[in-house]
Amino acid sequence: MKKRKMSKQKTRKSIAKRFKVTKGGKVVHRSHNLRHLRSTKSKARIRRLKTPKVLFSTIAKKVKKLLSE
């Protein structure tokens, strides 16, 4: 009798492009609202949007599962 191997969970590529897991295990992502219509936004707002954001723990667990980590 042959042993059946467990299939591996595939990484969701769409999520892998948008999120990154740090060394400490936090999930980081980029902000939205930076693609167009930047002239109406203040310089401080644009600077704030450029910084990476950390996800909340409840959503981070789901993202890590989809990244198969």
PDB file of N, CA and C in Angstrom:
ATOM      1  N   MET A   1       0.825  -1.196   0.000  1.00  0.00           N
ATOM      2  CA  MET A   1       0.000   0.000   0.000  1.00  0.00           C
ATOM      3  C   MET A   1       0.863   1.252   0.000  1.00  0.00           C
ATOM      4  N   LYS A   2       0.508   2.208  -0.843  1.00  0.00           N
ATOM      5  CA  LYS A   2       1.251   3.466  -0.898  1.00  0.00           C
ATOM      6  C   LYS A   2       0.702   4.443   0.128  1.00  0.00           C
ATOM      7  N   LYS A   3       1.608   5.207   0.705  1.00  0.00           N
ATOM      8  CA  LYS A   3       1.198   6.261   1.620  1.00  0.00           C
ATOM      9  C   LYS A   3       0.830   7.494   0.811  1.00  0.00           C
ATOM     10  N   ARG A   4      -0.274   8.098   1.159  1.00  0.00           N
ATOM     11  CA  ARG A   4      -0.678   9.327   0.476  1.00  0.00           C
ATOM     12  C   ARG A   4      -0.060  10.517   1.193  1.00  0.00           C
ATOM     13  N   LYS A   5       0.557  11.392   0.432  1.00  0.00           N
ATOM     14  CA  LYS A   5       1.140  12.597   1.008  1.00  0.00           C
ATOM     15  C   LYS A   5       0.063  13.652   1.193  1.00  0.00           C
ATOM     16  N   MET A   6       0.213  14.387   2.260  1.00  0.00           N
ATOM     17  CA  MET A   6      -0.695  15.507   2.483  1.00  0.00           C
ATOM     18  C   MET A   6      -0.354  16.604   1.485  1.00  0.00           C
ATOM     19  N   SER A   7      -1.367  17.190   0.879  1.00  0.00           N
ATOM     20  CA  SER A   7      -1.119  18.254  -0.075  1.00  0.00           C
ATOM     21  C   SER A   7      -0.756  19.538   0.675  1.00  0.00           C
ATOM     22  N   LYS A   8       0.149  20.306   0.079  1.00  0.00           N
ATOM     23  CA  LYS A   8       0.575  21.550   0.699  1.00  0.00           C
ATOM     24  C   LYS A   8      -0.422  22.644   0.372  1.00  0.00           C
ATOM     25  N   GLN A   9      -0.553  23.583   1.301  1.00  0.00           N
ATOM     26  CA  GLN A   9      -1.427  24.716   1.049  1.00  0.00           C
ATOM     27  C   GLN A   9      -0.685  25.720   0.182  1.00  0.00           C
ATOM     28  N   LYS A  10      -1.294  26.135  -0.903  1.00  0.00           N
ATOM     29  CA  LYS A  10      -0.646  27.066  -1.817  1.00  0.00           C
ATOM     30  C   LYS A  10      -0.772  28.494  -1.283  1.00  0.00           C
ATOM     31  N   THR A  11       0.241  29.300  -1.609  1.00  0.00           N
ATOM     32  CA  THR A  11       0.247  30.700  -1.225  1.00  0.00           C
ATOM     33  C   THR A  11      -0.671  31.482  -2.143  1.00  0.00           C
ATOM     34  N   ARG A  12      -1.495  32.347  -1.579  1.00  0.00           N
ATOM     35  CA  ARG A  12      -2.321  33.240  -2.392  1.00  0.00           C
ATOM     36  C   ARG A  12      -1.425  34.356  -2.899  1.00  0.00           C
ATOM     37  N   LYS A  13      -1.150  34.353  -4.186  1.00  0.00           N
ATOM     38  CA  LYS A  13      -0.212  35.311  -4.755  1.00  0.00           C
ATOM     39  C   LYS A  13      -0.715  36.744  -4.652  1.00  0.00           C
ATOM     40  N   SER A  14      -2.029  36.938  -4.746  1.00  0.00           N
ATOM     41  CA  SER A  14      -2.571  38.292  -4.643  1.00  0.00           C
ATOM     42  C   SER A  14      -2.313  38.877  -3.254  1.00  0.00           C
ATOM     43  N   ILE A  15      -2.349  38.019  -2.240  1.00  0.00           N
ATOM     44  CA  ILE A  15      -2.087  38.472  -0.866  1.00  0.00           C
ATOM     45  C   ILE A  15      -0.588  38.638  -0.639  1.00  0.00           C
ATOM     46  N   ALA A  16       0.209  37.768  -1.256  1.00  0.00           N
ATOM     47  CA  ALA A  16       1.663  37.843  -1.102  1.00  0.00           C
ATOM     48  C   ALA A  16       2.215  39.142  -1.675  1.00  0.00           C
ATOM     49  N   LYS A  17       1.558  39.693  -2.689  1.00  0.00           N
ATOM     50  CA  LYS A  17       2.000  40.953  -3.289  1.00  0.00           C
ATOM     51  C   LYS A  17       1.655  42.143  -2.404  1.00  0.00           C
ATOM     52  N   ARG A  18       0.618  42.032  -1.603  1.00  0.00           N
ATOM     53  CA  ARG A  18       0.128  43.171  -0.834  1.00  0.00           C
ATOM     54  C   ARG A  18       0.612  43.215   0.611  1.00  0.00           C
ATOM     55  N   PHE A  19       0.954  42.065   1.172  1.00  0.00           N
ATOM     56  CA  PHE A  19       1.321  41.997   2.583  1.00  0.00           C
ATOM     57  C   PHE A  19       2.698  41.379   2.760  1.00  0.00           C
ATOM     58  N   LYS A  20       3.341  41.739   3.873  1.00  0.00           N
ATOM     59  CA  LYS A  20       4.661  41.194   4.198  1.00  0.00           C
ATOM     60  C   LYS A  20       4.671  40.879   5.694  1.00  0.00           C
ATOM     61  N   VAL A  21       5.250  39.749   6.056  1.00  0.00           N
ATOM     62  CA  VAL A  21       5.358  39.380   7.468  1.00  0.00           C
ATOM     63  C   VAL A  21       6.748  39.770   7.950  1.00  0.00           C
ATOM     64  N   THR A  22       6.812  40.540   9.026  1.00  0.00           N
ATOM     65  CA  THR A  22       8.094  40.986   9.560  1.00  0.00           C
ATOM     66  C   THR A  22       8.747  39.863  10.360  1.00  0.00           C
ATOM     67  N   LYS A  23       9.971  40.116  10.794  1.00  0.00           N
ATOM     68  CA  LYS A  23      10.713  39.126  11.570  1.00  0.00           C
ATOM     69  C   LYS A  23      10.010  38.820  12.893  1.00  0.00           C
ATOM     70  N   GLY A  24       9.355  39.816  13.461  1.00  0.00           N
ATOM     71  CA  GLY A  24       8.634  39.646  14.724  1.00  0.00           C
ATOM     72  C   GLY A  24       7.267  39.012  14.566  1.00  0.00           C
ATOM     73  N   GLY A  25       6.831  38.799  13.315  1.00  0.00           N
ATOM     74  CA  GLY A  25       5.548  38.154  13.075  1.00  0.00           C
ATOM     75  C   GLY A  25       4.399  39.104  12.785  1.00  0.00           C
ATOM     76  N   LYS A  26       4.676  40.399  12.713  1.00  0.00           N
ATOM     77  CA  LYS A  26       3.620  41.359  12.395  1.00  0.00           C
ATOM     78  C   LYS A  26       3.387  41.373  10.887  1.00  0.00           C
ATOM     79  N   VAL A  27       2.155  41.697  10.495  1.00  0.00           N
ATOM     80  CA  VAL A  27       1.811  41.773   9.075  1.00  0.00           C
ATOM     81  C   VAL A  27       1.723  43.242   8.687  1.00  0.00           C
ATOM     82  N   VAL A  28       2.505  43.627   7.666  1.00  0.00           N
ATOM     83  CA  VAL A  28       2.613  45.015   7.251  1.00  0.00           C
ATOM     84  C   VAL A  28       2.051  45.163   5.845  1.00  0.00           C
ATOM     85  N   HIS A  29       1.410  46.312   5.577  1.00  0.00           N
ATOM     86  CA  HIS A  29       0.871  46.580   4.240  1.00  0.00           C
ATOM     87  C   HIS A  29       0.996  48.066   3.921  1.00  0.00           C
ATOM     88  N   ARG A  30       0.852  48.399   2.642  1.00  0.00           N
ATOM     89  CA  ARG A  30       0.883  49.795   2.212  1.00  0.00           C
ATOM     90  C   ARG A  30      -0.528  50.379   2.237  1.00  0.00           C
ATOM     91  N   SER A  31      -0.599  51.688   2.397  1.00  0.00           N
ATOM     92  CA  SER A  31      -1.888  52.370   2.437  1.00  0.00           C
ATOM     93  C   SER A  31      -2.468  52.544   1.038  1.00  0.00           C
ATOM     94  N   HIS A  32      -3.781  52.744   0.998  1.00  0.00           N
ATOM     95  CA  HIS A  32      -4.435  53.081  -0.264  1.00  0.00           C
ATOM     96  C   HIS A  32      -4.530  54.605  -0.361  1.00  0.00           C
ATOM     97  N   ASN A  33      -5.196  55.117  -1.361  1.00  0.00           N
ATOM     98  CA  ASN A  33      -5.381  56.556  -1.600  1.00  0.00           C
ATOM     99  C   ASN A  33      -4.117  57.282  -2.024  1.00  0.00           C
ATOM    100  N   LEU A  34      -3.187  56.607  -2.678  1.00  0.00           N
ATOM    101  CA  LEU A  34      -1.966  57.271  -3.128  1.00  0.00           C
ATOM    102  C   LEU A  34      -1.791  57.233  -4.646  1.00  0.00           C
ATOM    103  N   ARG A  35      -2.711  56.663  -5.373  1.00  0.00           N
ATOM    104  CA  ARG A  35      -2.522  56.464  -6.816  1.00  0.00           C
ATOM    105  C   ARG A  35      -2.791  57.720  -7.636  1.00  0.00           C
ATOM    106  N   HIS A  36      -3.870  58.410  -7.323  1.00  0.00           N
ATOM    107  CA  HIS A  36      -4.219  59.589  -8.124  1.00  0.00           C
ATOM    108  C   HIS A  36      -4.931  60.605  -7.245  1.00  0.00           C
ATOM    109  N   LEU A  37      -5.219  61.771  -7.802  1.00  0.00           N
ATOM    110  CA  LEU A  37      -5.845  62.892  -7.087  1.00  0.00           C
ATOM    111  C   LEU A  37      -5.018  63.316  -5.876  1.00  0.00           C
ATOM    112  N   ARG A  38      -3.704  63.360  -6.050  1.00  0.00           N
ATOM    113  CA  ARG A  38      -2.834  63.716  -4.936  1.00  0.00           C
ATOM    114  C   ARG A  38      -2.790  65.212  -4.685  1.00  0.00           C
ATOM    115  N   SER A  39      -3.160  65.991  -5.679  1.00  0.00           N
ATOM    116  CA  SER A  39      -3.087  67.452  -5.509  1.00  0.00           C
ATOM    117  C   SER A  39      -4.089  67.957  -4.476  1.00  0.00           C
ATOM    118  N   THR A  40      -5.175  67.226  -4.275  1.00  0.00           N
ATOM    119  CA  THR A  40      -6.175  67.654  -3.288  1.00  0.00           C
ATOM    120  C   THR A  40      -5.788  67.260  -1.867  1.00  0.00           C
ATOM    121  N   LYS A  41      -4.820  66.350  -1.732  1.00  0.00           N
ATOM    122  CA  LYS A  41      -4.407  65.891  -0.400  1.00  0.00           C
ATOM    123  C   LYS A  41      -3.249  66.741   0.100  1.00  0.00           C
ATOM    124  N   SER A  42      -3.214  66.939   1.409  1.00  0.00           N
ATOM    125  CA  SER A  42      -2.142  67.750   1.990  1.00  0.00           C
ATOM    126  C   SER A  42      -0.836  66.952   1.990  1.00  0.00           C
ATOM    127  N   LYS A  43       0.281  67.685   2.074  1.00  0.00           N
ATOM    128  CA  LYS A  43       1.606  67.050   2.070  1.00  0.00           C
ATOM    129  C   LYS A  43       1.769  66.144   3.285  1.00  0.00           C
ATOM    130  N   ALA A  44       1.232  66.576   4.411  1.00  0.00           N
ATOM    131  CA  ALA A  44       1.319  65.772   5.642  1.00  0.00           C
ATOM    132  C   ALA A  44       0.527  64.477   5.490  1.00  0.00           C
ATOM    133  N   ARG A  45      -0.620  64.570   4.837  1.00  0.00           N
ATOM    134  CA  ARG A  45      -1.445  63.376   4.624  1.00  0.00           C
ATOM    135  C   ARG A  45      -0.746  62.395   3.702  1.00  0.00           C
ATOM    136  N   ILE A  46      -0.106  62.892   2.646  1.00  0.00           N
ATOM    137  CA  ILE A  46       0.614  62.028   1.706  1.00  0.00           C
ATOM    138  C   ILE A  46       1.784  61.348   2.407  1.00  0.00           C
ATOM    139  N   ARG A  47       2.505  62.115   3.253  1.00  0.00           N
ATOM    140  CA  ARG A  47       3.622  61.538   4.026  1.00  0.00           C
ATOM    141  C   ARG A  47       3.123  60.444   4.949  1.00  0.00           C
ATOM    142  N   ARG A  48       1.991  60.688   5.588  1.00  0.00           N
ATOM    143  CA  ARG A  48       1.404  59.712   6.516  1.00  0.00           C
ATOM    144  C   ARG A  48       0.970  58.446   5.781  1.00  0.00           C
ATOM    145  N   LEU A  49       0.445  58.615   4.576  1.00  0.00           N
ATOM    146  CA  LEU A  49      -0.011  57.463   3.801  1.00  0.00           C
ATOM    147  C   LEU A  49       1.149  56.624   3.267  1.00  0.00           C
ATOM    148  N   LYS A  50       2.318  57.232   3.106  1.00  0.00           N
ATOM    149  CA  LYS A  50       3.473  56.507   2.569  1.00  0.00           C
ATOM    150  C   LYS A  50       4.066  55.506   3.560  1.00  0.00           C
ATOM    151  N   THR A  51       3.866  55.731   4.849  1.00  0.00           N
ATOM    152  CA  THR A  51       4.449  54.837   5.848  1.00  0.00           C
ATOM    153  C   THR A  51       3.684  53.514   5.876  1.00  0.00           C
ATOM    154  N   PRO A  52       4.383  52.381   6.006  1.00  0.00           N
ATOM    155  CA  PRO A  52       3.703  51.083   6.068  1.00  0.00           C
ATOM    156  C   PRO A  52       2.865  50.955   7.334  1.00  0.00           C
ATOM    157  N   LYS A  53       1.743  50.280   7.216  1.00  0.00           N
ATOM    158  CA  LYS A  53       0.824  50.097   8.338  1.00  0.00           C
ATOM    159  C   LYS A  53       0.839  48.648   8.814  1.00  0.00           C
ATOM    160  N   VAL A  54       0.604  48.452  10.115  1.00  0.00           N
ATOM    161  CA  VAL A  54       0.559  47.121  10.714  1.00  0.00           C
ATOM    162  C   VAL A  54      -0.901  46.702  10.841  1.00  0.00           C
ATOM    163  N   LEU A  55      -1.206  45.472  10.458  1.00  0.00           N
ATOM    164  CA  LEU A  55      -2.573  44.963  10.531  1.00  0.00           C
ATOM    165  C   LEU A  55      -2.949  44.591  11.962  1.00  0.00           C
ATOM    166  N   PHE A  56      -4.243  44.633  12.250  1.00  0.00           N
ATOM    167  CA  PHE A  56      -4.738  44.172  13.540  1.00  0.00           C
ATOM    168  C   PHE A  56      -4.585  42.653  13.628  1.00  0.00           C
ATOM    169  N   SER A  57      -4.530  42.126  14.832  1.00  0.00           N
ATOM    170  CA  SER A  57      -4.222  40.712  15.043  1.00  0.00           C
ATOM    171  C   SER A  57      -5.267  39.778  14.434  1.00  0.00           C
ATOM    172  N   THR A  58      -6.546  40.172  14.457  1.00  0.00           N
ATOM    173  CA  THR A  58      -7.585  39.282  13.941  1.00  0.00           C
ATOM    174  C   THR A  58      -7.461  39.093  12.430  1.00  0.00           C
ATOM    175  N   ILE A  59      -7.200  40.185  11.724  1.00  0.00           N
ATOM    176  CA  ILE A  59      -7.038  40.101  10.270  1.00  0.00           C
ATOM    177  C   ILE A  59      -5.674  39.504   9.932  1.00  0.00           C
ATOM    178  N   ALA A  60      -4.671  39.788  10.757  1.00  0.00           N
ATOM    179  CA  ALA A  60      -3.318  39.286  10.515  1.00  0.00           C
ATOM    180  C   ALA A  60      -3.287  37.758  10.536  1.00  0.00           C
ATOM    181  N   LYS A  61      -4.074  37.147  11.408  1.00  0.00           N
ATOM    182  CA  LYS A  61      -4.128  35.680  11.467  1.00  0.00           C
ATOM    183  C   LYS A  61      -4.645  35.110  10.156  1.00  0.00           C
ATOM    184  N   LYS A  62      -5.682  35.735   9.592  1.00  0.00           N
ATOM    185  CA  LYS A  62      -6.246  35.270   8.330  1.00  0.00           C
ATOM    186  C   LYS A  62      -5.250  35.432   7.192  1.00  0.00           C
ATOM    187  N   VAL A  63      -4.545  36.560   7.180  1.00  0.00           N
ATOM    188  CA  VAL A  63      -3.565  36.817   6.125  1.00  0.00           C
ATOM    189  C   VAL A  63      -2.416  35.815   6.218  1.00  0.00           C
ATOM    190  N   LYS A  64      -1.955  35.523   7.429  1.00  0.00           N
ATOM    191  CA  LYS A  64      -0.868  34.554   7.596  1.00  0.00           C
ATOM    192  C   LYS A  64      -1.283  33.184   7.126  1.00  0.00           C
ATOM    193  N   LYS A  65      -2.538  32.834   7.356  1.00  0.00           N
ATOM    194  CA  LYS A  65      -3.037  31.540   6.905  1.00  0.00           C
ATOM    195  C   LYS A  65      -3.061  31.459   5.368  1.00  0.00           C
ATOM    196  N   LEU A  66      -3.483  32.555   4.736  1.00  0.00           N
ATOM    197  CA  LEU A  66      -3.506  32.609   3.276  1.00  0.00           C
ATOM    198  C   LEU A  66      -2.104  32.650   2.682  1.00  0.00           C
ATOM    199  N   LEU A  67      -1.147  33.173   3.451  1.00  0.00           N
ATOM    200  CA  LEU A  67       0.247  33.153   3.016  1.00  0.00           C
ATOM    201  C   LEU A  67       0.912  31.807   3.343  1.00  0.00           C
ATOM    202  N   SER A  68       0.169  30.939   3.994  1.00  0.00           N
ATOM    203  CA  SER A  68       0.598  29.606   4.441  1.00  0.00           C
ATOM    204  C   SER A  68       1.848  29.682   5.297  1.00  0.00           C
ATOM    205  N   GLU A  69       1.783  30.547   6.329  1.00  0.00           N
ATOM    206  CA  GLU A  69       2.878  30.647   7.286  1.00  0.00           C
ATOM    207  C   GLU A  69       2.414  30.232   8.655  1.00  0.00           C
TER     208      GLU A  69
END
